[in-house]
Amino acid sequence: MSDPICPLCLRPIPADAKQSLHHLIPKLKGGKGGPTVLLHQICHNEIHATLTEAELAREYDTPGKLRAHPRIARFVDWVGKRPPGFHSKTPGARRKR
């Protein structure tokens, strides 16, 4: 069986890689029980370091919309050059709350 593909960076997610489920609409914004996608943990961290829950619910509720965000697009380009199981602390400044 092949590894699932991360819908953000489009790299495989090996079984031993850090991974998590992302609610496309945040639970706090009505997404509890809604659609989720399996992501590398580093990809999930970048989403939440970049966007607020309100922004996620309002404008970034699909992997394609997330990839179109300028900071996330730069991250996807950067992480795409790393091995599928790569993980590190999320670089750069956290979003302003």
PDB file of N, CA and C in Angstrom:
ATOM      1  N   MET A   1       0.849  -1.183   0.000  1.00  0.00           N
ATOM      2  CA  MET A   1       0.000   0.000   0.000  1.00  0.00           C
ATOM      3  C   MET A   1       0.894   1.245   0.000  1.00  0.00           C
ATOM      4  N   SER A   2       0.553   2.230  -0.809  1.00  0.00           N
ATOM      5  CA  SER A   2       1.387   3.424  -0.892  1.00  0.00           C
ATOM      6  C   SER A   2       0.994   4.423   0.195  1.00  0.00           C
ATOM      7  N   ASP A   3       1.937   5.301   0.514  1.00  0.00           N
ATOM      8  CA  ASP A   3       1.699   6.315   1.541  1.00  0.00           C
ATOM      9  C   ASP A   3       0.665   7.327   1.055  1.00  0.00           C
ATOM     10  N   PRO A   4      -0.143   7.869   1.974  1.00  0.00           N
ATOM     11  CA  PRO A   4      -1.069   8.941   1.573  1.00  0.00           C
ATOM     12  C   PRO A   4      -0.271  10.163   1.130  1.00  0.00           C
ATOM     13  N   ILE A   5      -0.880  11.010   0.320  1.00  0.00           N
ATOM     14  CA  ILE A   5      -0.234  12.228  -0.179  1.00  0.00           C
ATOM     15  C   ILE A   5      -0.760  13.425   0.615  1.00  0.00           C
ATOM     16  N   CYS A   6       0.151  14.262   1.075  1.00  0.00           N
ATOM     17  CA  CYS A   6      -0.241  15.483   1.790  1.00  0.00           C
ATOM     18  C   CYS A   6      -0.870  16.450   0.787  1.00  0.00           C
ATOM     19  N   PRO A   7      -2.100  16.897   1.014  1.00  0.00           N
ATOM     20  CA  PRO A   7      -2.753  17.789   0.053  1.00  0.00           C
ATOM     21  C   PRO A   7      -2.179  19.211   0.045  1.00  0.00           C
ATOM     22  N   LEU A   8      -1.313  19.525   1.005  1.00  0.00           N
ATOM     23  CA  LEU A   8      -0.704  20.856   0.984  1.00  0.00           C
ATOM     24  C   LEU A   8       0.576  20.848   0.159  1.00  0.00           C
ATOM     25  N   CYS A   9       1.545  20.001   0.533  1.00  0.00           N
ATOM     26  CA  CYS A   9       2.841  20.005  -0.157  1.00  0.00           C
ATOM     27  C   CYS A   9       2.918  18.970  -1.278  1.00  0.00           C
ATOM     28  N   LEU A  10       1.936  18.076  -1.341  1.00  0.00           N
ATOM     29  CA  LEU A  10       1.838  17.046  -2.379  1.00  0.00           C
ATOM     30  C   LEU A  10       2.956  16.006  -2.324  1.00  0.00           C
ATOM     31  N   ARG A  11       3.618  15.892  -1.154  1.00  0.00           N
ATOM     32  CA  ARG A  11       4.618  14.835  -0.929  1.00  0.00           C
ATOM     33  C   ARG A  11       3.944  13.676  -0.198  1.00  0.00           C
ATOM     34  N   PRO A  12       4.479  12.455  -0.336  1.00  0.00           N
ATOM     35  CA  PRO A  12       3.937  11.323   0.429  1.00  0.00           C
ATOM     36  C   PRO A  12       4.118  11.552   1.933  1.00  0.00           C
ATOM     37  N   ILE A  13       3.233  10.962   2.717  1.00  0.00           N
ATOM     38  CA  ILE A  13       3.336  11.004   4.180  1.00  0.00           C
ATOM     39  C   ILE A  13       3.700   9.599   4.648  1.00  0.00           C
ATOM     40  N   PRO A  14       4.997   9.332   4.912  1.00  0.00           N
ATOM     41  CA  PRO A  14       5.376   7.995   5.389  1.00  0.00           C
ATOM     42  C   PRO A  14       4.708   7.685   6.728  1.00  0.00           C
ATOM     43  N   ALA A  15       4.516   6.399   6.998  1.00  0.00           N
ATOM     44  CA  ALA A  15       3.843   5.978   8.233  1.00  0.00           C
ATOM     45  C   ALA A  15       4.562   6.486   9.480  1.00  0.00           C
ATOM     46  N   ASP A  16       5.891   6.621   9.409  1.00  0.00           N
ATOM     47  CA  ASP A  16       6.643   7.063  10.590  1.00  0.00           C
ATOM     48  C   ASP A  16       6.829   8.578  10.660  1.00  0.00           C
ATOM     49  N   ALA A  17       6.251   9.318   9.721  1.00  0.00           N
ATOM     50  CA  ALA A  17       6.368  10.784   9.725  1.00  0.00           C
ATOM     51  C   ALA A  17       5.378  11.395  10.706  1.00  0.00           C
ATOM     52  N   LYS A  18       5.745  12.541  11.291  1.00  0.00           N
ATOM     53  CA  LYS A  18       4.801  13.271  12.129  1.00  0.00           C
ATOM     54  C   LYS A  18       3.691  13.776  11.218  1.00  0.00           C
ATOM     55  N   GLN A  19       2.447  13.528  11.646  1.00  0.00           N
ATOM     56  CA  GLN A  19       1.288  13.860  10.820  1.00  0.00           C
ATOM     57  C   GLN A  19       0.105  14.200  11.701  1.00  0.00           C
ATOM     58  N   SER A  20      -0.869  14.891  11.120  1.00  0.00           N
ATOM     59  CA  SER A  20      -2.080  15.217  11.876  1.00  0.00           C
ATOM     60  C   SER A  20      -3.221  15.559  10.927  1.00  0.00           C
ATOM     61  N   LEU A  21      -4.430  15.535  11.484  1.00  0.00           N
ATOM     62  CA  LEU A  21      -5.618  15.893  10.714  1.00  0.00           C
ATOM     63  C   LEU A  21      -5.883  17.386  10.847  1.00  0.00           C
ATOM     64  N   HIS A  22      -6.205  18.019   9.724  1.00  0.00           N
ATOM     65  CA  HIS A  22      -6.545  19.442   9.700  1.00  0.00           C
ATOM     66  C   HIS A  22      -8.017  19.567   9.326  1.00  0.00           C
ATOM     67  N   HIS A  23      -8.773  20.297  10.144  1.00  0.00           N
ATOM     68  CA  HIS A  23     -10.165  20.597   9.815  1.00  0.00           C
ATOM     69  C   HIS A  23     -10.166  21.732   8.799  1.00  0.00           C
ATOM     70  N   LEU A  24     -10.751  21.498   7.626  1.00  0.00           N
ATOM     71  CA  LEU A  24     -10.748  22.532   6.589  1.00  0.00           C
ATOM     72  C   LEU A  24     -11.504  23.773   7.053  1.00  0.00           C
ATOM     73  N   ILE A  25     -12.527  23.584   7.850  1.00  0.00           N
ATOM     74  CA  ILE A  25     -13.186  24.701   8.538  1.00  0.00           C
ATOM     75  C   ILE A  25     -12.898  24.476  10.018  1.00  0.00           C
ATOM     76  N   PRO A  26     -12.232  25.438  10.672  1.00  0.00           N
ATOM     77  CA  PRO A  26     -11.853  25.221  12.080  1.00  0.00           C
ATOM     78  C   PRO A  26     -13.040  24.832  12.955  1.00  0.00           C
ATOM     79  N   LYS A  27     -12.764  23.933  13.908  1.00  0.00           N
ATOM     80  CA  LYS A  27     -13.825  23.472  14.819  1.00  0.00           C
ATOM     81  C   LYS A  27     -14.492  24.645  15.518  1.00  0.00           C
ATOM     82  N   LEU A  28     -13.700  25.644  15.894  1.00  0.00           N
ATOM     83  CA  LEU A  28     -14.257  26.801  16.601  1.00  0.00           C
ATOM     84  C   LEU A  28     -15.141  27.670  15.711  1.00  0.00           C
ATOM     85  N   LYS A  29     -15.066  27.457  14.409  1.00  0.00           N
ATOM     86  CA  LYS A  29     -15.854  28.245  13.456  1.00  0.00           C
ATOM     87  C   LYS A  29     -16.921  27.393  12.776  1.00  0.00           C
ATOM     88  N   GLY A  30     -17.339  26.318  13.431  1.00  0.00           N
ATOM     89  CA  GLY A  30     -18.428  25.498  12.905  1.00  0.00           C
ATOM     90  C   GLY A  30     -17.994  24.266  12.142  1.00  0.00           C
ATOM     91  N   GLY A  31     -16.702  23.957  12.148  1.00  0.00           N
ATOM     92  CA  GLY A  31     -16.212  22.826  11.371  1.00  0.00           C
ATOM     93  C   GLY A  31     -16.164  21.502  12.098  1.00  0.00           C
ATOM     94  N   LYS A  32     -16.647  21.456  13.354  1.00  0.00           N
ATOM     95  CA  LYS A  32     -16.626  20.185  14.095  1.00  0.00           C
ATOM     96  C   LYS A  32     -17.471  19.169  13.331  1.00  0.00           C
ATOM     97  N   GLY A  33     -16.881  18.026  13.049  1.00  0.00           N
ATOM     98  CA  GLY A  33     -17.588  17.014  12.268  1.00  0.00           C
ATOM     99  C   GLY A  33     -17.509  17.259  10.774  1.00  0.00           C
ATOM    100  N   GLY A  34     -16.857  18.352  10.369  1.00  0.00           N
ATOM    101  CA  GLY A  34     -16.724  18.675   8.951  1.00  0.00           C
ATOM    102  C   GLY A  34     -15.546  17.958   8.322  1.00  0.00           C
ATOM    103  N   PRO A  35     -15.246  18.290   7.064  1.00  0.00           N
ATOM    104  CA  PRO A  35     -14.175  17.595   6.352  1.00  0.00           C
ATOM    105  C   PRO A  35     -12.793  17.857   6.953  1.00  0.00           C
ATOM    106  N   THR A  36     -11.969  16.812   6.956  1.00  0.00           N
ATOM    107  CA  THR A  36     -10.592  16.922   7.426  1.00  0.00           C
ATOM    108  C   THR A  36      -9.667  16.363   6.351  1.00  0.00           C
ATOM    109  N   VAL A  37      -8.403  16.785   6.413  1.00  0.00           N
ATOM    110  CA  VAL A  37      -7.377  16.241   5.525  1.00  0.00           C
ATOM    111  C   VAL A  37      -6.175  15.850   6.373  1.00  0.00           C
ATOM    112  N   LEU A  38      -5.492  14.774   5.972  1.00  0.00           N
ATOM    113  CA  LEU A  38      -4.279  14.331   6.648  1.00  0.00           C
ATOM    114  C   LEU A  38      -3.100  15.103   6.074  1.00  0.00           C
ATOM    115  N   LEU A  39      -2.331  15.744   6.956  1.00  0.00           N
ATOM    116  CA  LEU A  39      -1.182  16.555   6.545  1.00  0.00           C
ATOM    117  C   LEU A  39       0.067  16.115   7.294  1.00  0.00           C
ATOM    118  N   HIS A  40       1.238  16.435   6.723  1.00  0.00           N
ATOM    119  CA  HIS A  40       2.467  16.366   7.516  1.00  0.00           C
ATOM    120  C   HIS A  40       2.282  17.335   8.677  1.00  0.00           C
ATOM    121  N   GLN A  41       2.833  17.023   9.835  1.00  0.00           N
ATOM    122  CA  GLN A  41       2.716  17.935  10.977  1.00  0.00           C
ATOM    123  C   GLN A  41       3.335  19.295  10.652  1.00  0.00           C
ATOM    124  N   ILE A  42       4.471  19.317   9.940  1.00  0.00           N
ATOM    125  CA  ILE A  42       5.117  20.586   9.608  1.00  0.00           C
ATOM    126  C   ILE A  42       4.208  21.444   8.712  1.00  0.00           C
ATOM    127  N   CYS A  43       3.464  20.811   7.817  1.00  0.00           N
ATOM    128  CA  CYS A  43       2.533  21.542   6.950  1.00  0.00           C
ATOM    129  C   CYS A  43       1.376  22.107   7.775  1.00  0.00           C
ATOM    130  N   HIS A  44       0.856  21.288   8.686  1.00  0.00           N
ATOM    131  CA  HIS A  44      -0.231  21.727   9.567  1.00  0.00           C
ATOM    132  C   HIS A  44       0.232  22.902  10.426  1.00  0.00           C
ATOM    133  N   ASN A  45       1.451  22.796  10.972  1.00  0.00           N
ATOM    134  CA  ASN A  45       1.982  23.885  11.797  1.00  0.00           C
ATOM    135  C   ASN A  45       2.071  25.181  10.999  1.00  0.00           C
ATOM    136  N   GLU A  46       2.514  25.088   9.759  1.00  0.00           N
ATOM    137  CA  GLU A  46       2.667  26.291   8.934  1.00  0.00           C
ATOM    138  C   GLU A  46       1.316  26.957   8.681  1.00  0.00           C
ATOM    139  N   ILE A  47       0.284  26.167   8.437  1.00  0.00           N
ATOM    140  CA  ILE A  47      -1.056  26.735   8.220  1.00  0.00           C
ATOM    141  C   ILE A  47      -1.461  27.573   9.431  1.00  0.00           C
ATOM    142  N   HIS A  48      -1.316  26.996  10.626  1.00  0.00           N
ATOM    143  CA  HIS A  48      -1.772  27.697  11.827  1.00  0.00           C
ATOM    144  C   HIS A  48      -0.821  28.798  12.275  1.00  0.00           C
ATOM    145  N   ALA A  49       0.436  28.762  11.830  1.00  0.00           N
ATOM    146  CA  ALA A  49       1.367  29.857  12.106  1.00  0.00           C
ATOM    147  C   ALA A  49       1.080  31.046  11.197  1.00  0.00           C
ATOM    148  N   THR A  50       0.422  30.795  10.077  1.00  0.00           N
ATOM    149  CA  THR A  50       0.206  31.826   9.060  1.00  0.00           C
ATOM    150  C   THR A  50      -1.175  32.463   9.151  1.00  0.00           C
ATOM    151  N   LEU A  51      -2.201  31.660   9.385  1.00  0.00           N
ATOM    152  CA  LEU A  51      -3.583  32.138   9.265  1.00  0.00           C
ATOM    153  C   LEU A  51      -4.351  31.999  10.576  1.00  0.00           C
ATOM    154  N   THR A  52      -5.258  32.942  10.803  1.00  0.00           N
ATOM    155  CA  THR A  52      -6.135  32.862  11.975  1.00  0.00           C
ATOM    156  C   THR A  52      -7.270  31.883  11.686  1.00  0.00           C
ATOM    157  N   GLU A  53      -7.950  31.471  12.740  1.00  0.00           N
ATOM    158  CA  GLU A  53      -9.107  30.585  12.569  1.00  0.00           C
ATOM    159  C   GLU A  53     -10.150  31.250  11.671  1.00  0.00           C
ATOM    160  N   ALA A  54     -10.371  32.562  11.865  1.00  0.00           N
ATOM    161  CA  ALA A  54     -11.367  33.284  11.058  1.00  0.00           C
ATOM    162  C   ALA A  54     -10.962  33.298   9.587  1.00  0.00           C
ATOM    163  N   GLU A  55      -9.676  33.532   9.302  1.00  0.00           N
ATOM    164  CA  GLU A  55      -9.208  33.527   7.910  1.00  0.00           C
ATOM    165  C   GLU A  55      -9.380  32.147   7.290  1.00  0.00           C
ATOM    166  N   LEU A  56      -9.050  31.115   8.061  1.00  0.00           N
ATOM    167  CA  LEU A  56      -9.214  29.747   7.560  1.00  0.00           C
ATOM    168  C   LEU A  56     -10.664  29.468   7.200  1.00  0.00           C
ATOM    169  N   ALA A  57     -11.578  29.849   8.078  1.00  0.00           N
ATOM    170  CA  ALA A  57     -13.001  29.578   7.844  1.00  0.00           C
ATOM    171  C   ALA A  57     -13.537  30.398   6.669  1.00  0.00           C
ATOM    172  N   ARG A  58     -13.090  31.647   6.564  1.00  0.00           N
ATOM    173  CA  ARG A  58     -13.641  32.581   5.588  1.00  0.00           C
ATOM    174  C   ARG A  58     -13.041  32.402   4.190  1.00  0.00           C
ATOM    175  N   GLU A  59     -11.719  32.195   4.104  1.00  0.00           N
ATOM    176  CA  GLU A  59     -11.072  32.270   2.795  1.00  0.00           C
ATOM    177  C   GLU A  59     -10.225  31.070   2.396  1.00  0.00           C
ATOM    178  N   TYR A  60      -9.830  30.229   3.350  1.00  0.00           N
ATOM    179  CA  TYR A  60      -8.845  29.187   3.057  1.00  0.00           C
ATOM    180  C   TYR A  60      -9.352  27.807   3.478  1.00  0.00           C
ATOM    181  N   ASP A  61     -10.502  27.414   2.921  1.00  0.00           N
ATOM    182  CA  ASP A  61     -11.157  26.176   3.344  1.00  0.00           C
ATOM    183  C   ASP A  61     -10.905  24.992   2.412  1.00  0.00           C
ATOM    184  N   THR A  62      -9.912  25.116   1.525  1.00  0.00           N
ATOM    185  CA  THR A  62      -9.517  23.991   0.670  1.00  0.00           C
ATOM    186  C   THR A  62      -7.990  23.971   0.571  1.00  0.00           C
ATOM    187  N   PRO A  63      -7.399  22.811   0.294  1.00  0.00           N
ATOM    188  CA  PRO A  63      -5.948  22.777   0.117  1.00  0.00           C
ATOM    189  C   PRO A  63      -5.468  23.702  -1.008  1.00  0.00           C
ATOM    190  N   GLY A  64      -6.230  23.799  -2.079  1.00  0.00           N
ATOM    191  CA  GLY A  64      -5.846  24.678  -3.190  1.00  0.00           C
ATOM    192  C   GLY A  64      -5.800  26.143  -2.779  1.00  0.00           C
ATOM    193  N   LYS A  65      -6.785  26.575  -2.022  1.00  0.00           N
ATOM    194  CA  LYS A  65      -6.801  27.965  -1.540  1.00  0.00           C
ATOM    195  C   LYS A  65      -5.643  28.210  -0.581  1.00  0.00           C
ATOM    196  N   LEU A  66      -5.339  27.212   0.267  1.00  0.00           N
ATOM    197  CA  LEU A  66      -4.206  27.346   1.185  1.00  0.00           C
ATOM    198  C   LEU A  66      -2.900  27.495   0.408  1.00  0.00           C
ATOM    199  N   ARG A  67      -2.706  26.663  -0.624  1.00  0.00           N
ATOM    200  CA  ARG A  67      -1.466  26.725  -1.418  1.00  0.00           C
ATOM    201  C   ARG A  67      -1.323  28.052  -2.143  1.00  0.00           C
ATOM    202  N   ALA A  68      -2.435  28.754  -2.405  1.00  0.00           N
ATOM    203  CA  ALA A  68      -2.387  30.031  -3.112  1.00  0.00           C
ATOM    204  C   ALA A  68      -1.958  31.192  -2.210  1.00  0.00           C
ATOM    205  N   HIS A  69      -1.998  31.012  -0.888  1.00  0.00           N
ATOM    206  CA  HIS A  69      -1.568  32.074   0.031  1.00  0.00           C
ATOM    207  C   HIS A  69      -0.068  32.295  -0.158  1.00  0.00           C
ATOM    208  N   PRO A  70       0.389  33.558  -0.268  1.00  0.00           N
ATOM    209  CA  PRO A  70       1.809  33.810  -0.577  1.00  0.00           C
ATOM    210  C   PRO A  70       2.802  33.149   0.384  1.00  0.00           C
ATOM    211  N   ARG A  71       2.596  33.252   1.697  1.00  0.00           N
ATOM    212  CA  ARG A  71       3.555  32.654   2.635  1.00  0.00           C
ATOM    213  C   ARG A  71       3.510  31.128   2.549  1.00  0.00           C
ATOM    214  N   ILE A  72       2.314  30.584   2.430  1.00  0.00           N
ATOM    215  CA  ILE A  72       2.201  29.125   2.354  1.00  0.00           C
ATOM    216  C   ILE A  72       2.789  28.622   1.032  1.00  0.00           C
ATOM    217  N   ALA A  73       2.610  29.371  -0.056  1.00  0.00           N
ATOM    218  CA  ALA A  73       3.207  28.988  -1.344  1.00  0.00           C
ATOM    219  C   ALA A  73       4.734  28.926  -1.224  1.00  0.00           C
ATOM    220  N   ARG A  74       5.337  29.895  -0.533  1.00  0.00           N
ATOM    221  CA  ARG A  74       6.794  29.876  -0.327  1.00  0.00           C
ATOM    222  C   ARG A  74       7.198  28.671   0.524  1.00  0.00           C
ATOM    223  N   PHE A  75       6.395  28.394   1.559  1.00  0.00           N
ATOM    224  CA  PHE A  75       6.671  27.226   2.414  1.00  0.00           C
ATOM    225  C   PHE A  75       6.594  25.936   1.608  1.00  0.00           C
ATOM    226  N   VAL A  76       5.551  25.778   0.788  1.00  0.00           N
ATOM    227  CA  VAL A  76       5.370  24.556  -0.003  1.00  0.00           C
ATOM    228  C   VAL A  76       6.559  24.365  -0.947  1.00  0.00           C
ATOM    229  N   ASP A  77       7.039  25.454  -1.546  1.00  0.00           N
ATOM    230  CA  ASP A  77       8.200  25.381  -2.425  1.00  0.00           C
ATOM    231  C   ASP A  77       9.431  24.924  -1.634  1.00  0.00           C
ATOM    232  N   TRP A  78       9.606  25.481  -0.440  1.00  0.00           N
ATOM    233  CA  TRP A  78      10.741  25.155   0.417  1.00  0.00           C
ATOM    234  C   TRP A  78      10.670  23.702   0.900  1.00  0.00           C
ATOM    235  N   VAL A  79       9.544  23.303   1.473  1.00  0.00           N
ATOM    236  CA  VAL A  79       9.430  21.966   2.063  1.00  0.00           C
ATOM    237  C   VAL A  79       9.424  20.884   0.983  1.00  0.00           C
ATOM    238  N   GLY A  80       9.017  21.242  -0.220  1.00  0.00           N
ATOM    239  CA  GLY A  80       9.000  20.286  -1.319  1.00  0.00           C
ATOM    240  C   GLY A  80      10.375  19.757  -1.683  1.00  0.00           C
ATOM    241  N   LYS A  81      11.409  20.470  -1.261  1.00  0.00           N
ATOM    242  CA  LYS A  81      12.783  20.052  -1.530  1.00  0.00           C
ATOM    243  C   LYS A  81      13.324  19.141  -0.425  1.00  0.00           C
ATOM    244  N   ARG A  82      12.518  18.890   0.598  1.00  0.00           N
ATOM    245  CA  ARG A  82      12.932  18.037   1.719  1.00  0.00           C
ATOM    246  C   ARG A  82      12.363  16.631   1.554  1.00  0.00           C
ATOM    247  N   PRO A  83      12.971  15.652   2.242  1.00  0.00           N
ATOM    248  CA  PRO A  83      12.431  14.280   2.165  1.00  0.00           C
ATOM    249  C   PRO A  83      11.018  14.205   2.758  1.00  0.00           C
ATOM    250  N   PRO A  84      10.215  13.230   2.337  1.00  0.00           N
ATOM    251  CA  PRO A  84       8.828  13.131   2.810  1.00  0.00           C
ATOM    252  C   PRO A  84       8.670  13.071   4.332  1.00  0.00           C
ATOM    253  N   GLY A  85       9.634  12.494   5.052  1.00  0.00           N
ATOM    254  CA  GLY A  85       9.512  12.390   6.501  1.00  0.00           C
ATOM    255  C   GLY A  85      10.114  13.563   7.254  1.00  0.00           C
ATOM    256  N   PHE A  86      10.563  14.601   6.538  1.00  0.00           N
ATOM    257  CA  PHE A  86      11.225  15.747   7.165  1.00  0.00           C
ATOM    258  C   PHE A  86      10.303  16.469   8.140  1.00  0.00           C
ATOM    259  N   HIS A  87      10.873  16.872   9.288  1.00  0.00           N
ATOM    260  CA  HIS A  87      10.141  17.698  10.247  1.00  0.00           C
ATOM    261  C   HIS A  87      11.121  18.634  10.936  1.00  0.00           C
ATOM    262  N   SER A  88      10.685  19.844  11.190  1.00  0.00           N
ATOM    263  CA  SER A  88      11.476  20.797  11.970  1.00  0.00           C
ATOM    264  C   SER A  88      10.512  21.776  12.602  1.00  0.00           C
ATOM    265  N   LYS A  89      11.038  22.610  13.459  1.00  0.00           N
ATOM    266  CA  LYS A  89      10.203  23.670  14.020  1.00  0.00           C
ATOM    267  C   LYS A  89       9.777  24.586  12.878  1.00  0.00           C
ATOM    268  N   THR A  90       8.612  25.170  12.991  1.00  0.00           N
ATOM    269  CA  THR A  90       8.114  26.055  11.945  1.00  0.00           C
ATOM    270  C   THR A  90       8.954  27.321  11.921  1.00  0.00           C
ATOM    271  N   PRO A  91       9.593  27.617  10.779  1.00  0.00           N
ATOM    272  CA  PRO A  91      10.456  28.799  10.704  1.00  0.00           C
ATOM    273  C   PRO A  91       9.650  30.078  10.567  1.00  0.00           C
ATOM    274  N   GLY A  92      10.297  31.204  10.829  1.00  0.00           N
ATOM    275  CA  GLY A  92       9.664  32.496  10.618  1.00  0.00           C
ATOM    276  C   GLY A  92       8.800  32.929  11.781  1.00  0.00           C
ATOM    277  N   ALA A  93       8.361  34.168  11.680  1.00  0.00           N
ATOM    278  CA  ALA A  93       7.559  34.761  12.735  1.00  0.00           C
ATOM    279  C   ALA A  93       6.155  34.163  12.762  1.00  0.00           C
ATOM    280  N   ARG A  94       5.607  34.022  13.954  1.00  0.00           N
ATOM    281  CA  ARG A  94       4.221  33.581  14.092  1.00  0.00           C
ATOM    282  C   ARG A  94       3.302  34.707  13.626  1.00  0.00           C
ATOM    283  N   ARG A  95       2.108  34.360  13.225  1.00  0.00           N
ATOM    284  CA  ARG A  95       1.146  35.378  12.798  1.00  0.00           C
ATOM    285  C   ARG A  95       0.775  36.266  13.986  1.00  0.00           C
ATOM    286  N   LYS A  96       0.342  37.461  13.671  1.00  0.00           N
ATOM    287  CA  LYS A  96      -0.123  38.365  14.730  1.00  0.00           C
ATOM    288  C   LYS A  96      -1.516  37.928  15.145  1.00  0.00           C
ATOM    289  N   ARG A  97      -1.762  37.905  16.428  1.00  0.00           N
ATOM    290  CA  ARG A  97      -3.058  37.453  16.938  1.00  0.00           C
ATOM    291  C   ARG A  97      -4.065  38.589  16.923  1.00  0.00           C
TER     292      ARG A  97
END
